[in-house]
Amino acid sequence: MTPEQQRIAIAEACGYKRVDCPSASLGGGYPINPEPMTYWAEHCWDENGTETIGLPDYLNDLNAMHEAEKVLRPTQVKRFLSELWPIMAASKEAELGTFHATAAQRAEAFLKILNIWKP
């Protein structure tokens, strides 16, 4: 998966909805959907579906990944941790433990346990 595909897949798993944003509304900040979770104009893709506008940078921002991990159910958290370890074991951070996992490593494990990951 490309980094952009990963960001979009994680955002969708976290409840972001794709909306078509007219260019004049970008950055407008008005609610698109009045449901319990409000979707904002900044959270959309361009017309090609390849760039994200306003989505968290899950692959580089640990805080964003920690927020994403909150959507996991308890059984998924156990699977997440067991999936994260082999990813880390392949890197130099392996001896530091899973609490030192990078945002990108956490994103990969997250997508794998949700069966969204594509090599």
PDB file of N, CA and C in Angstrom:
ATOM      1  N   MET A   1       0.840  -1.183   0.000  1.00  0.00           N
ATOM      2  CA  MET A   1       0.000   0.000   0.000  1.00  0.00           C
ATOM      3  C   MET A   1       0.885   1.246   0.000  1.00  0.00           C
ATOM      4  N   THR A   2       0.461   2.231  -0.712  1.00  0.00           N
ATOM      5  CA  THR A   2       1.199   3.488  -0.682  1.00  0.00           C
ATOM      6  C   THR A   2       0.898   4.191   0.647  1.00  0.00           C
ATOM      7  N   PRO A   3       1.739   5.127   1.044  1.00  0.00           N
ATOM      8  CA  PRO A   3       1.441   5.873   2.269  1.00  0.00           C
ATOM      9  C   PRO A   3       0.063   6.544   2.246  1.00  0.00           C
ATOM     10  N   GLU A   4      -0.329   7.107   1.101  1.00  0.00           N
ATOM     11  CA  GLU A   4      -1.636   7.754   1.007  1.00  0.00           C
ATOM     12  C   GLU A   4      -2.764   6.744   1.158  1.00  0.00           C
ATOM     13  N   GLN A   5      -2.613   5.562   0.562  1.00  0.00           N
ATOM     14  CA  GLN A   5      -3.628   4.515   0.709  1.00  0.00           C
ATOM     15  C   GLN A   5      -3.742   4.097   2.174  1.00  0.00           C
ATOM     16  N   GLN A   6      -2.608   4.027   2.859  1.00  0.00           N
ATOM     17  CA  GLN A   6      -2.627   3.670   4.276  1.00  0.00           C
ATOM     18  C   GLN A   6      -3.354   4.737   5.084  1.00  0.00           C
ATOM     19  N   ARG A   7      -3.034   5.997   4.838  1.00  0.00           N
ATOM     20  CA  ARG A   7      -3.687   7.094   5.569  1.00  0.00           C
ATOM     21  C   ARG A   7      -5.195   7.075   5.367  1.00  0.00           C
ATOM     22  N   ILE A   8      -5.623   6.868   4.133  1.00  0.00           N
ATOM     23  CA  ILE A   8      -7.048   6.854   3.835  1.00  0.00           C
ATOM     24  C   ILE A   8      -7.715   5.662   4.508  1.00  0.00           C
ATOM     25  N   ALA A   9      -7.092   4.488   4.442  1.00  0.00           N
ATOM     26  CA  ALA A   9      -7.679   3.285   5.045  1.00  0.00           C
ATOM     27  C   ALA A   9      -7.805   3.435   6.560  1.00  0.00           C
ATOM     28  N   ILE A  10      -6.793   3.998   7.208  1.00  0.00           N
ATOM     29  CA  ILE A  10      -6.858   4.197   8.656  1.00  0.00           C
ATOM     30  C   ILE A  10      -7.939   5.225   8.989  1.00  0.00           C
ATOM     31  N   ALA A  11      -7.986   6.308   8.240  1.00  0.00           N
ATOM     32  CA  ALA A  11      -8.997   7.337   8.480  1.00  0.00           C
ATOM     33  C   ALA A  11     -10.402   6.766   8.350  1.00  0.00           C
ATOM     34  N   GLU A  12     -10.626   5.956   7.323  1.00  0.00           N
ATOM     35  CA  GLU A  12     -11.943   5.345   7.150  1.00  0.00           C
ATOM     36  C   GLU A  12     -12.264   4.397   8.303  1.00  0.00           C
ATOM     37  N   ALA A  13     -11.271   3.649   8.774  1.00  0.00           N
ATOM     38  CA  ALA A  13     -11.483   2.749   9.915  1.00  0.00           C
ATOM     39  C   ALA A  13     -11.820   3.536  11.179  1.00  0.00           C
ATOM     40  N   CYS A  14     -11.377   4.783  11.235  1.00  0.00           N
ATOM     41  CA  CYS A  14     -11.635   5.636  12.397  1.00  0.00           C
ATOM     42  C   CYS A  14     -12.919   6.442  12.256  1.00  0.00           C
ATOM     43  N   GLY A  15     -13.646   6.252  11.172  1.00  0.00           N
ATOM     44  CA  GLY A  15     -14.928   6.917  11.020  1.00  0.00           C
ATOM     45  C   GLY A  15     -14.949   8.103  10.075  1.00  0.00           C
ATOM     46  N   TYR A  16     -13.819   8.443   9.463  1.00  0.00           N
ATOM     47  CA  TYR A  16     -13.836   9.522   8.485  1.00  0.00           C
ATOM     48  C   TYR A  16     -14.639   9.065   7.274  1.00  0.00           C
ATOM     49  N   LYS A  17     -15.382   9.973   6.711  1.00  0.00           N
ATOM     50  CA  LYS A  17     -16.170   9.686   5.519  1.00  0.00           C
ATOM     51  C   LYS A  17     -15.643  10.509   4.365  1.00  0.00           C
ATOM     52  N   ARG A  18     -15.612   9.894   3.212  1.00  0.00           N
ATOM     53  CA  ARG A  18     -15.179  10.622   2.024  1.00  0.00           C
ATOM     54  C   ARG A  18     -16.314  11.519   1.567  1.00  0.00           C
ATOM     55  N   VAL A  19     -16.008  12.763   1.403  1.00  0.00           N
ATOM     56  CA  VAL A  19     -16.976  13.721   0.872  1.00  0.00           C
ATOM     57  C   VAL A  19     -16.312  14.462  -0.269  1.00  0.00           C
ATOM     58  N   ASP A  20     -17.111  14.863  -1.214  1.00  0.00           N
ATOM     59  CA  ASP A  20     -16.577  15.675  -2.307  1.00  0.00           C
ATOM     60  C   ASP A  20     -16.594  17.114  -1.852  1.00  0.00           C
ATOM     61  N   CYS A  21     -15.421  17.697  -1.765  1.00  0.00           N
ATOM     62  CA  CYS A  21     -15.302  19.067  -1.278  1.00  0.00           C
ATOM     63  C   CYS A  21     -15.092  20.009  -2.448  1.00  0.00           C
ATOM     64  N   PRO A  22     -16.014  20.925  -2.662  1.00  0.00           N
ATOM     65  CA  PRO A  22     -15.731  21.937  -3.674  1.00  0.00           C
ATOM     66  C   PRO A  22     -14.536  22.754  -3.218  1.00  0.00           C
ATOM     67  N   SER A  23     -13.709  23.141  -4.145  1.00  0.00           N
ATOM     68  CA  SER A  23     -12.466  23.820  -3.767  1.00  0.00           C
ATOM     69  C   SER A  23     -12.717  25.051  -2.910  1.00  0.00           C
ATOM     70  N   ALA A  24     -13.834  25.714  -3.078  1.00  0.00           N
ATOM     71  CA  ALA A  24     -14.116  26.906  -2.285  1.00  0.00           C
ATOM     72  C   ALA A  24     -14.349  26.572  -0.815  1.00  0.00           C
ATOM     73  N   SER A  25     -14.725  25.309  -0.515  1.00  0.00           N
ATOM     74  CA  SER A  25     -15.031  24.953   0.865  1.00  0.00           C
ATOM     75  C   SER A  25     -13.821  24.427   1.625  1.00  0.00           C
ATOM     76  N   LEU A  26     -12.729  24.162   0.946  1.00  0.00           N
ATOM     77  CA  LEU A  26     -11.566  23.619   1.640  1.00  0.00           C
ATOM     78  C   LEU A  26     -11.113  24.582   2.719  1.00  0.00           C
ATOM     79  N   GLY A  27     -10.994  24.058   3.911  1.00  0.00           N
ATOM     80  CA  GLY A  27     -10.597  24.887   5.031  1.00  0.00           C
ATOM     81  C   GLY A  27     -11.747  25.663   5.631  1.00  0.00           C
ATOM     82  N   GLY A  28     -12.963  25.470   5.091  1.00  0.00           N
ATOM     83  CA  GLY A  28     -14.122  26.194   5.584  1.00  0.00           C
ATOM     84  C   GLY A  28     -14.564  25.772   6.969  1.00  0.00           C
ATOM     85  N   GLY A  29     -14.423  24.503   7.283  1.00  0.00           N
ATOM     86  CA  GLY A  29     -14.733  24.025   8.614  1.00  0.00           C
ATOM     87  C   GLY A  29     -16.204  23.913   8.937  1.00  0.00           C
ATOM     88  N   TYR A  30     -17.079  23.849   7.956  1.00  0.00           N
ATOM     89  CA  TYR A  30     -18.484  23.697   8.292  1.00  0.00           C
ATOM     90  C   TYR A  30     -18.847  22.212   8.337  1.00  0.00           C
ATOM     91  N   PRO A  31     -19.831  21.839   9.165  1.00  0.00           N
ATOM     92  CA  PRO A  31     -20.191  20.424   9.262  1.00  0.00           C
ATOM     93  C   PRO A  31     -20.852  19.921   7.989  1.00  0.00           C
ATOM     94  N   ILE A  32     -20.462  18.732   7.557  1.00  0.00           N
ATOM     95  CA  ILE A  32     -21.038  18.112   6.371  1.00  0.00           C
ATOM     96  C   ILE A  32     -22.209  17.218   6.780  1.00  0.00           C
ATOM     97  N   ASN A  33     -22.077  16.553   7.909  1.00  0.00           N
ATOM     98  CA  ASN A  33     -23.048  15.571   8.350  1.00  0.00           C
ATOM     99  C   ASN A  33     -23.406  15.840   9.808  1.00  0.00           C
ATOM    100  N   PRO A  34     -24.677  16.086  10.118  1.00  0.00           N
ATOM    101  CA  PRO A  34     -25.037  16.417  11.494  1.00  0.00           C
ATOM    102  C   PRO A  34     -25.202  15.203  12.406  1.00  0.00           C
ATOM    103  N   GLU A  35     -24.786  14.026  11.983  1.00  0.00           N
ATOM    104  CA  GLU A  35     -24.867  12.822  12.808  1.00  0.00           C
ATOM    105  C   GLU A  35     -24.012  13.013  14.058  1.00  0.00           C
ATOM    106  N   PRO A  36     -24.071  12.063  15.018  1.00  0.00           N
ATOM    107  CA  PRO A  36     -23.292  12.221  16.252  1.00  0.00           C
ATOM    108  C   PRO A  36     -21.817  12.545  16.012  1.00  0.00           C
ATOM    109  N   MET A  37     -21.228  11.955  14.989  1.00  0.00           N
ATOM    110  CA  MET A  37     -19.849  12.308  14.653  1.00  0.00           C
ATOM    111  C   MET A  37     -19.919  13.271  13.480  1.00  0.00           C
ATOM    112  N   THR A  38     -19.459  14.469  13.661  1.00  0.00           N
ATOM    113  CA  THR A  38     -19.540  15.484  12.610  1.00  0.00           C
ATOM    114  C   THR A  38     -18.355  15.338  11.668  1.00  0.00           C
ATOM    115  N   TYR A  39     -18.619  15.378  10.391  1.00  0.00           N
ATOM    116  CA  TYR A  39     -17.570  15.305   9.386  1.00  0.00           C
ATOM    117  C   TYR A  39     -17.345  16.716   8.869  1.00  0.00           C
ATOM    118  N   TRP A  40     -16.108  17.083   8.790  1.00  0.00           N
ATOM    119  CA  TRP A  40     -15.770  18.457   8.420  1.00  0.00           C
ATOM    120  C   TRP A  40     -15.241  18.518   7.001  1.00  0.00           C
ATOM    121  N   ALA A  41     -15.385  19.661   6.399  1.00  0.00           N
ATOM    122  CA  ALA A  41     -14.974  19.840   5.015  1.00  0.00           C
ATOM    123  C   ALA A  41     -13.492  19.550   4.817  1.00  0.00           C
ATOM    124  N   GLU A  42     -12.680  19.782   5.867  1.00  0.00           N
ATOM    125  CA  GLU A  42     -11.249  19.551   5.698  1.00  0.00           C
ATOM    126  C   GLU A  42     -10.916  18.077   5.509  1.00  0.00           C
ATOM    127  N   HIS A  43     -11.798  17.200   5.923  1.00  0.00           N
ATOM    128  CA  HIS A  43     -11.529  15.773   5.857  1.00  0.00           C
ATOM    129  C   HIS A  43     -12.065  15.197   4.559  1.00  0.00           C
ATOM    130  N   CYS A  44     -11.334  15.398   3.489  1.00  0.00           N
ATOM    131  CA  CYS A  44     -11.786  14.879   2.206  1.00  0.00           C
ATOM    132  C   CYS A  44     -10.591  14.587   1.307  1.00  0.00           C
ATOM    133  N   TRP A  45     -10.893  13.926   0.223  1.00  0.00           N
ATOM    134  CA  TRP A  45      -9.881  13.586  -0.755  1.00  0.00           C
ATOM    135  C   TRP A  45     -10.069  14.479  -1.968  1.00  0.00           C
ATOM    136  N   ASP A  46      -9.014  14.606  -2.744  1.00  0.00           N
ATOM    137  CA  ASP A  46      -9.182  15.378  -3.972  1.00  0.00           C
ATOM    138  C   ASP A  46      -9.949  14.537  -4.990  1.00  0.00           C
ATOM    139  N   GLU A  47     -10.242  15.128  -6.133  1.00  0.00           N
ATOM    140  CA  GLU A  47     -11.073  14.437  -7.118  1.00  0.00           C
ATOM    141  C   GLU A  47     -10.432  13.169  -7.666  1.00  0.00           C
ATOM    142  N   ASN A  48      -9.097  13.037  -7.562  1.00  0.00           N
ATOM    143  CA  ASN A  48      -8.419  11.831  -8.029  1.00  0.00           C
ATOM    144  C   ASN A  48      -8.384  10.739  -6.967  1.00  0.00           C
ATOM    145  N   GLY A  49      -8.724  11.084  -5.731  1.00  0.00           N
ATOM    146  CA  GLY A  49      -8.689  10.103  -4.652  1.00  0.00           C
ATOM    147  C   GLY A  49      -7.283   9.737  -4.217  1.00  0.00           C
ATOM    148  N   THR A  50      -6.294  10.528  -4.592  1.00  0.00           N
ATOM    149  CA  THR A  50      -4.926  10.162  -4.264  1.00  0.00           C
ATOM    150  C   THR A  50      -4.314  11.022  -3.165  1.00  0.00           C
ATOM    151  N   GLU A  51      -4.771  12.230  -2.997  1.00  0.00           N
ATOM    152  CA  GLU A  51      -4.226  13.089  -1.956  1.00  0.00           C
ATOM    153  C   GLU A  51      -5.254  13.283  -0.867  1.00  0.00           C
ATOM    154  N   THR A  52      -4.787  13.432   0.349  1.00  0.00           N
ATOM    155  CA  THR A  52      -5.710  13.712   1.424  1.00  0.00           C
ATOM    156  C   THR A  52      -5.565  15.161   1.842  1.00  0.00           C
ATOM    157  N   ILE A  53      -6.640  15.711   2.303  1.00  0.00           N
ATOM    158  CA  ILE A  53      -6.642  17.091   2.759  1.00  0.00           C
ATOM    159  C   ILE A  53      -7.150  17.074   4.183  1.00  0.00           C
ATOM    160  N   GLY A  54      -6.324  17.419   5.118  1.00  0.00           N
ATOM    161  CA  GLY A  54      -6.754  17.501   6.494  1.00  0.00           C
ATOM    162  C   GLY A  54      -6.798  16.201   7.259  1.00  0.00           C
ATOM    163  N   LEU A  55      -6.408  15.087   6.675  1.00  0.00           N
ATOM    164  CA  LEU A  55      -6.381  13.829   7.411  1.00  0.00           C
ATOM    165  C   LEU A  55      -5.136  13.769   8.292  1.00  0.00           C
ATOM    166  N   PRO A  56      -5.239  13.107   9.434  1.00  0.00           N
ATOM    167  CA  PRO A  56      -4.048  12.974  10.283  1.00  0.00           C
ATOM    168  C   PRO A  56      -2.920  12.252   9.548  1.00  0.00           C
ATOM    169  N   ASP A  57      -1.709  12.567   9.915  1.00  0.00           N
ATOM    170  CA  ASP A  57      -0.533  11.940   9.302  1.00  0.00           C
ATOM    171  C   ASP A  57      -0.179  10.687  10.107  1.00  0.00           C
ATOM    172  N   TYR A  58      -1.003   9.653   9.972  1.00  0.00           N
ATOM    173  CA  TYR A  58      -0.861   8.455  10.783  1.00  0.00           C
ATOM    174  C   TYR A  58       0.513   7.801  10.699  1.00  0.00           C
ATOM    175  N   LEU A  59       1.179   7.874   9.557  1.00  0.00           N
ATOM    176  CA  LEU A  59       2.447   7.177   9.392  1.00  0.00           C
ATOM    177  C   LEU A  59       3.632   7.897  10.021  1.00  0.00           C
ATOM    178  N   ASN A  60       3.452   9.162  10.394  1.00  0.00           N
ATOM    179  CA  ASN A  60       4.554   9.929  10.977  1.00  0.00           C
ATOM    180  C   ASN A  60       4.228  10.552  12.332  1.00  0.00           C
ATOM    181  N   ASP A  61       2.987  10.446  12.751  1.00  0.00           N
ATOM    182  CA  ASP A  61       2.549  11.108  13.976  1.00  0.00           C
ATOM    183  C   ASP A  61       2.042  10.078  14.987  1.00  0.00           C
ATOM    184  N   LEU A  62       2.837   9.834  16.031  1.00  0.00           N
ATOM    185  CA  LEU A  62       2.444   8.856  17.052  1.00  0.00           C
ATOM    186  C   LEU A  62       1.140   9.234  17.737  1.00  0.00           C
ATOM    187  N   ASN A  63       0.913  10.518  17.950  1.00  0.00           N
ATOM    188  CA  ASN A  63      -0.337  10.936  18.573  1.00  0.00           C
ATOM    189  C   ASN A  63      -1.537  10.551  17.707  1.00  0.00           C
ATOM    190  N   ALA A  64      -1.417  10.704  16.406  1.00  0.00           N
ATOM    191  CA  ALA A  64      -2.504  10.328  15.500  1.00  0.00           C
ATOM    192  C   ALA A  64      -2.747   8.815  15.554  1.00  0.00           C
ATOM    193  N   MET A  65      -1.668   8.037  15.599  1.00  0.00           N
ATOM    194  CA  MET A  65      -1.842   6.580  15.675  1.00  0.00           C
ATOM    195  C   MET A  65      -2.441   6.165  17.008  1.00  0.00           C
ATOM    196  N   HIS A  66      -2.067   6.819  18.083  1.00  0.00           N
ATOM    197  CA  HIS A  66      -2.657   6.495  19.385  1.00  0.00           C
ATOM    198  C   HIS A  66      -4.162   6.758  19.359  1.00  0.00           C
ATOM    199  N   GLU A  67      -4.578   7.828  18.693  1.00  0.00           N
ATOM    200  CA  GLU A  67      -6.009   8.104  18.557  1.00  0.00           C
ATOM    201  C   GLU A  67      -6.682   7.024  17.713  1.00  0.00           C
ATOM    202  N   ALA A  68      -6.028   6.605  16.647  1.00  0.00           N
ATOM    203  CA  ALA A  68      -6.593   5.554  15.793  1.00  0.00           C
ATOM    204  C   ALA A  68      -6.743   4.245  16.565  1.00  0.00           C
ATOM    205  N   GLU A  69      -5.767   3.932  17.388  1.00  0.00           N
ATOM    206  CA  GLU A  69      -5.797   2.681  18.153  1.00  0.00           C
ATOM    207  C   GLU A  69      -6.978   2.632  19.118  1.00  0.00           C
ATOM    208  N   LYS A  70      -7.518   3.768  19.478  1.00  0.00           N
ATOM    209  CA  LYS A  70      -8.654   3.813  20.402  1.00  0.00           C
ATOM    210  C   LYS A  70      -9.919   3.204  19.805  1.00  0.00           C
ATOM    211  N   VAL A  71      -9.991   3.052  18.486  1.00  0.00           N
ATOM    212  CA  VAL A  71     -11.176   2.449  17.877  1.00  0.00           C
ATOM    213  C   VAL A  71     -11.153   0.920  17.955  1.00  0.00           C
ATOM    214  N   LEU A  72     -10.015   0.354  18.341  1.00  0.00           N
ATOM    215  CA  LEU A  72      -9.901  -1.102  18.419  1.00  0.00           C
ATOM    216  C   LEU A  72     -10.649  -1.648  19.630  1.00  0.00           C
ATOM    217  N   ARG A  73     -11.319  -2.788  19.422  1.00  0.00           N
ATOM    218  CA  ARG A  73     -11.971  -3.483  20.525  1.00  0.00           C
ATOM    219  C   ARG A  73     -10.906  -4.219  21.335  1.00  0.00           C
ATOM    220  N   PRO A  74     -11.188  -4.601  22.585  1.00  0.00           N
ATOM    221  CA  PRO A  74     -10.185  -5.287  23.418  1.00  0.00           C
ATOM    222  C   PRO A  74      -9.554  -6.512  22.755  1.00  0.00           C
ATOM    223  N   THR A  75     -10.337  -7.306  22.059  1.00  0.00           N
ATOM    224  CA  THR A  75      -9.757  -8.476  21.389  1.00  0.00           C
ATOM    225  C   THR A  75      -8.835  -8.058  20.247  1.00  0.00           C
ATOM    226  N   GLN A  76      -9.158  -6.952  19.609  1.00  0.00           N
ATOM    227  CA  GLN A  76      -8.306  -6.457  18.531  1.00  0.00           C
ATOM    228  C   GLN A  76      -7.009  -5.883  19.082  1.00  0.00           C
ATOM    229  N   VAL A  77      -7.044  -5.320  20.275  1.00  0.00           N
ATOM    230  CA  VAL A  77      -5.827  -4.760  20.874  1.00  0.00           C
ATOM    231  C   VAL A  77      -4.815  -5.877  21.105  1.00  0.00           C
ATOM    232  N   LYS A  78      -5.260  -7.011  21.580  1.00  0.00           N
ATOM    233  CA  LYS A  78      -4.350  -8.153  21.782  1.00  0.00           C
ATOM    234  C   LYS A  78      -3.741  -8.588  20.461  1.00  0.00           C
ATOM    235  N   ARG A  79      -4.559  -8.667  19.428  1.00  0.00           N
ATOM    236  CA  ARG A  79      -4.045  -9.036  18.108  1.00  0.00           C
ATOM    237  C   ARG A  79      -3.102  -7.968  17.565  1.00  0.00           C
ATOM    238  N   PHE A  80      -3.429  -6.710  17.836  1.00  0.00           N
ATOM    239  CA  PHE A  80      -2.588  -5.599  17.395  1.00  0.00           C
ATOM    240  C   PHE A  80      -1.177  -5.737  17.969  1.00  0.00           C
ATOM    241  N   LEU A  81      -1.105  -5.985  19.270  1.00  0.00           N
ATOM    242  CA  LEU A  81       0.203  -6.121  19.915  1.00  0.00           C
ATOM    243  C   LEU A  81       0.974  -7.322  19.391  1.00  0.00           C
ATOM    244  N   SER A  82       0.265  -8.435  19.146  1.00  0.00           N
ATOM    245  CA  SER A  82       0.971  -9.609  18.619  1.00  0.00           C
ATOM    246  C   SER A  82       1.385  -9.406  17.167  1.00  0.00           C
ATOM    247  N   GLU A  83       0.681  -8.575  16.438  1.00  0.00           N
ATOM    248  CA  GLU A  83       1.053  -8.263  15.056  1.00  0.00           C
ATOM    249  C   GLU A  83       2.191  -7.253  15.012  1.00  0.00           C
ATOM    250  N   LEU A  84       2.227  -6.367  15.983  1.00  0.00           N
ATOM    251  CA  LEU A  84       3.241  -5.317  16.017  1.00  0.00           C
ATOM    252  C   LEU A  84       4.638  -5.874  16.281  1.00  0.00           C
ATOM    253  N   TRP A  85       4.718  -6.869  17.138  1.00  0.00           N
ATOM    254  CA  TRP A  85       6.040  -7.390  17.506  1.00  0.00           C
ATOM    255  C   TRP A  85       6.840  -7.894  16.305  1.00  0.00           C
ATOM    256  N   PRO A  86       6.279  -8.749  15.407  1.00  0.00           N
ATOM    257  CA  PRO A  86       7.073  -9.197  14.248  1.00  0.00           C
ATOM    258  C   PRO A  86       7.504  -8.052  13.335  1.00  0.00           C
ATOM    259  N   ILE A  87       6.658  -7.031  13.235  1.00  0.00           N
ATOM    260  CA  ILE A  87       7.017  -5.873  12.413  1.00  0.00           C
ATOM    261  C   ILE A  87       8.233  -5.185  13.012  1.00  0.00           C
ATOM    262  N   MET A  88       8.221  -5.023  14.326  1.00  0.00           N
ATOM    263  CA  MET A  88       9.355  -4.392  15.003  1.00  0.00           C
ATOM    264  C   MET A  88      10.589  -5.278  15.001  1.00  0.00           C
ATOM    265  N   ALA A  89      10.390  -6.591  15.108  1.00  0.00           N
ATOM    266  CA  ALA A  89      11.521  -7.524  15.158  1.00  0.00           C
ATOM    267  C   ALA A  89      12.375  -7.425  13.897  1.00  0.00           C
ATOM    268  N   ALA A  90      11.766  -7.003  12.815  1.00  0.00           N
ATOM    269  CA  ALA A  90      12.502  -6.859  11.561  1.00  0.00           C
ATOM    270  C   ALA A  90      13.301  -5.559  11.505  1.00  0.00           C
ATOM    271  N   SER A  91      13.205  -4.749  12.555  1.00  0.00           N
ATOM    272  CA  SER A  91      13.910  -3.474  12.565  1.00  0.00           C
ATOM    273  C   SER A  91      14.865  -3.393  13.743  1.00  0.00           C
ATOM    274  N   LYS A  92      15.654  -2.344  13.773  1.00  0.00           N
ATOM    275  CA  LYS A  92      16.628  -2.171  14.844  1.00  0.00           C
ATOM    276  C   LYS A  92      15.989  -1.848  16.188  1.00  0.00           C
ATOM    277  N   GLU A  93      14.704  -1.426  16.180  1.00  0.00           N
ATOM    278  CA  GLU A  93      14.038  -1.075  17.427  1.00  0.00           C
ATOM    279  C   GLU A  93      13.570  -2.292  18.225  1.00  0.00           C
ATOM    280  N   ALA A  94      13.762  -3.501  17.703  1.00  0.00           N
ATOM    281  CA  ALA A  94      13.203  -4.706  18.313  1.00  0.00           C
ATOM    282  C   ALA A  94      13.581  -4.861  19.778  1.00  0.00           C
ATOM    283  N   GLU A  95      14.797  -4.536  20.135  1.00  0.00           N
ATOM    284  CA  GLU A  95      15.217  -4.725  21.519  1.00  0.00           C
ATOM    285  C   GLU A  95      14.615  -3.694  22.475  1.00  0.00           C
ATOM    286  N   LEU A  96      13.959  -2.669  21.955  1.00  0.00           N
ATOM    287  CA  LEU A  96      13.406  -1.623  22.802  1.00  0.00           C
ATOM    288  C   LEU A  96      11.994  -1.925  23.286  1.00  0.00           C
ATOM    289  N   GLY A  97      11.300  -2.881  22.672  1.00  0.00           N
ATOM    290  CA  GLY A  97       9.940  -3.215  23.074  1.00  0.00           C
ATOM    291  C   GLY A  97       8.903  -2.481  22.240  1.00  0.00           C
ATOM    292  N   THR A  98       7.665  -2.965  22.308  1.00  0.00           N
ATOM    293  CA  THR A  98       6.616  -2.409  21.455  1.00  0.00           C
ATOM    294  C   THR A  98       6.276  -0.964  21.781  1.00  0.00           C
ATOM    295  N   PHE A  99       6.590  -0.492  22.976  1.00  0.00           N
ATOM    296  CA  PHE A  99       6.277   0.905  23.293  1.00  0.00           C
ATOM    297  C   PHE A  99       7.151   1.877  22.517  1.00  0.00           C
ATOM    298  N   HIS A 100       8.191   1.383  21.849  1.00  0.00           N
ATOM    299  CA  HIS A 100       9.032   2.228  21.004  1.00  0.00           C
ATOM    300  C   HIS A 100       8.691   2.072  19.525  1.00  0.00           C
ATOM    301  N   ALA A 101       7.583   1.446  19.213  1.00  0.00           N
ATOM    302  CA  ALA A 101       7.191   1.265  17.813  1.00  0.00           C
ATOM    303  C   ALA A 101       6.954   2.628  17.167  1.00  0.00           C
ATOM    304  N   THR A 102       7.375   2.747  15.930  1.00  0.00           N
ATOM    305  CA  THR A 102       7.161   3.990  15.195  1.00  0.00           C
ATOM    306  C   THR A 102       5.697   4.084  14.768  1.00  0.00           C
ATOM    307  N   ALA A 103       5.293   5.251  14.360  1.00  0.00           N
ATOM    308  CA  ALA A 103       3.925   5.444  13.884  1.00  0.00           C
ATOM    309  C   ALA A 103       3.660   4.569  12.659  1.00  0.00           C
ATOM    310  N   ALA A 104       4.633   4.467  11.757  1.00  0.00           N
ATOM    311  CA  ALA A 104       4.462   3.651  10.550  1.00  0.00           C
ATOM    312  C   ALA A 104       4.311   2.175  10.901  1.00  0.00           C
ATOM    313  N   GLN A 105       5.082   1.696  11.890  1.00  0.00           N
ATOM    314  CA  GLN A 105       4.962   0.303  12.313  1.00  0.00           C
ATOM    315  C   GLN A 105       3.595   0.047  12.937  1.00  0.00           C
ATOM    316  N   ARG A 106       3.132   0.983  13.741  1.00  0.00           N
ATOM    317  CA  ARG A 106       1.812   0.854  14.355  1.00  0.00           C
ATOM    318  C   ARG A 106       0.719   0.886  13.294  1.00  0.00           C
ATOM    319  N   ALA A 107       0.888   1.729  12.275  1.00  0.00           N
ATOM    320  CA  ALA A 107      -0.092   1.815  11.191  1.00  0.00           C
ATOM    321  C   ALA A 107      -0.182   0.486  10.445  1.00  0.00           C
ATOM    322  N   GLU A 108       0.956  -0.119  10.158  1.00  0.00           N
ATOM    323  CA  GLU A 108       0.960  -1.403   9.458  1.00  0.00           C
ATOM    324  C   GLU A 108       0.242  -2.475  10.283  1.00  0.00           C
ATOM    325  N   ALA A 109       0.562  -2.571  11.567  1.00  0.00           N
ATOM    326  CA  ALA A 109      -0.097  -3.556  12.435  1.00  0.00           C
ATOM    327  C   ALA A 109      -1.596  -3.290  12.504  1.00  0.00           C
ATOM    328  N   PHE A 110      -1.978  -2.032  12.612  1.00  0.00           N
ATOM    329  CA  PHE A 110      -3.389  -1.639  12.676  1.00  0.00           C
ATOM    330  C   PHE A 110      -4.132  -2.129  11.432  1.00  0.00           C
ATOM    331  N   LEU A 111      -3.566  -1.858  10.274  1.00  0.00           N
ATOM    332  CA  LEU A 111      -4.203  -2.259   9.027  1.00  0.00           C
ATOM    333  C   LEU A 111      -4.240  -3.776   8.870  1.00  0.00           C
ATOM    334  N   LYS A 112      -3.216  -4.457   9.346  1.00  0.00           N
ATOM    335  CA  LYS A 112      -3.185  -5.921   9.241  1.00  0.00           C
ATOM    336  C   LYS A 112      -4.265  -6.568  10.084  1.00  0.00           C
ATOM    337  N   ILE A 113      -4.465  -6.102  11.300  1.00  0.00           N
ATOM    338  CA  ILE A 113      -5.473  -6.761  12.133  1.00  0.00           C
ATOM    339  C   ILE A 113      -6.891  -6.470  11.657  1.00  0.00           C
ATOM    340  N   LEU A 114      -7.076  -5.387  10.925  1.00  0.00           N
ATOM    341  CA  LEU A 114      -8.389  -5.083  10.364  1.00  0.00           C
ATOM    342  C   LEU A 114      -8.563  -5.693   8.973  1.00  0.00           C
ATOM    343  N   ASN A 115      -7.573  -6.478   8.538  1.00  0.00           N
ATOM    344  CA  ASN A 115      -7.579  -7.131   7.226  1.00  0.00           C
ATOM    345  C   ASN A 115      -7.704  -6.130   6.079  1.00  0.00           C
ATOM    346  N   ILE A 116      -7.062  -4.997   6.242  1.00  0.00           N
ATOM    347  CA  ILE A 116      -7.071  -3.956   5.215  1.00  0.00           C
ATOM    348  C   ILE A 116      -5.705  -3.900   4.512  1.00  0.00           C
ATOM    349  N   TRP A 117      -4.661  -4.362   5.161  1.00  0.00           N
ATOM    350  CA  TRP A 117      -3.288  -4.264   4.649  1.00  0.00           C
ATOM    351  C   TRP A 117      -3.146  -4.999   3.321  1.00  0.00           C
ATOM    352  N   LYS A 118      -2.509  -4.342   2.387  1.00  0.00           N
ATOM    353  CA  LYS A 118      -2.142  -4.952   1.112  1.00  0.00           C
ATOM    354  C   LYS A 118      -0.654  -4.724   0.914  1.00  0.00           C
ATOM    355  N   PRO A 119       0.115  -5.804   0.745  1.00  0.00           N
ATOM    356  CA  PRO A 119       1.575  -5.631   0.584  1.00  0.00           C
ATOM    357  C   PRO A 119       1.952  -4.813  -0.637  1.00  0.00           C
TER     358      PRO A 119
END
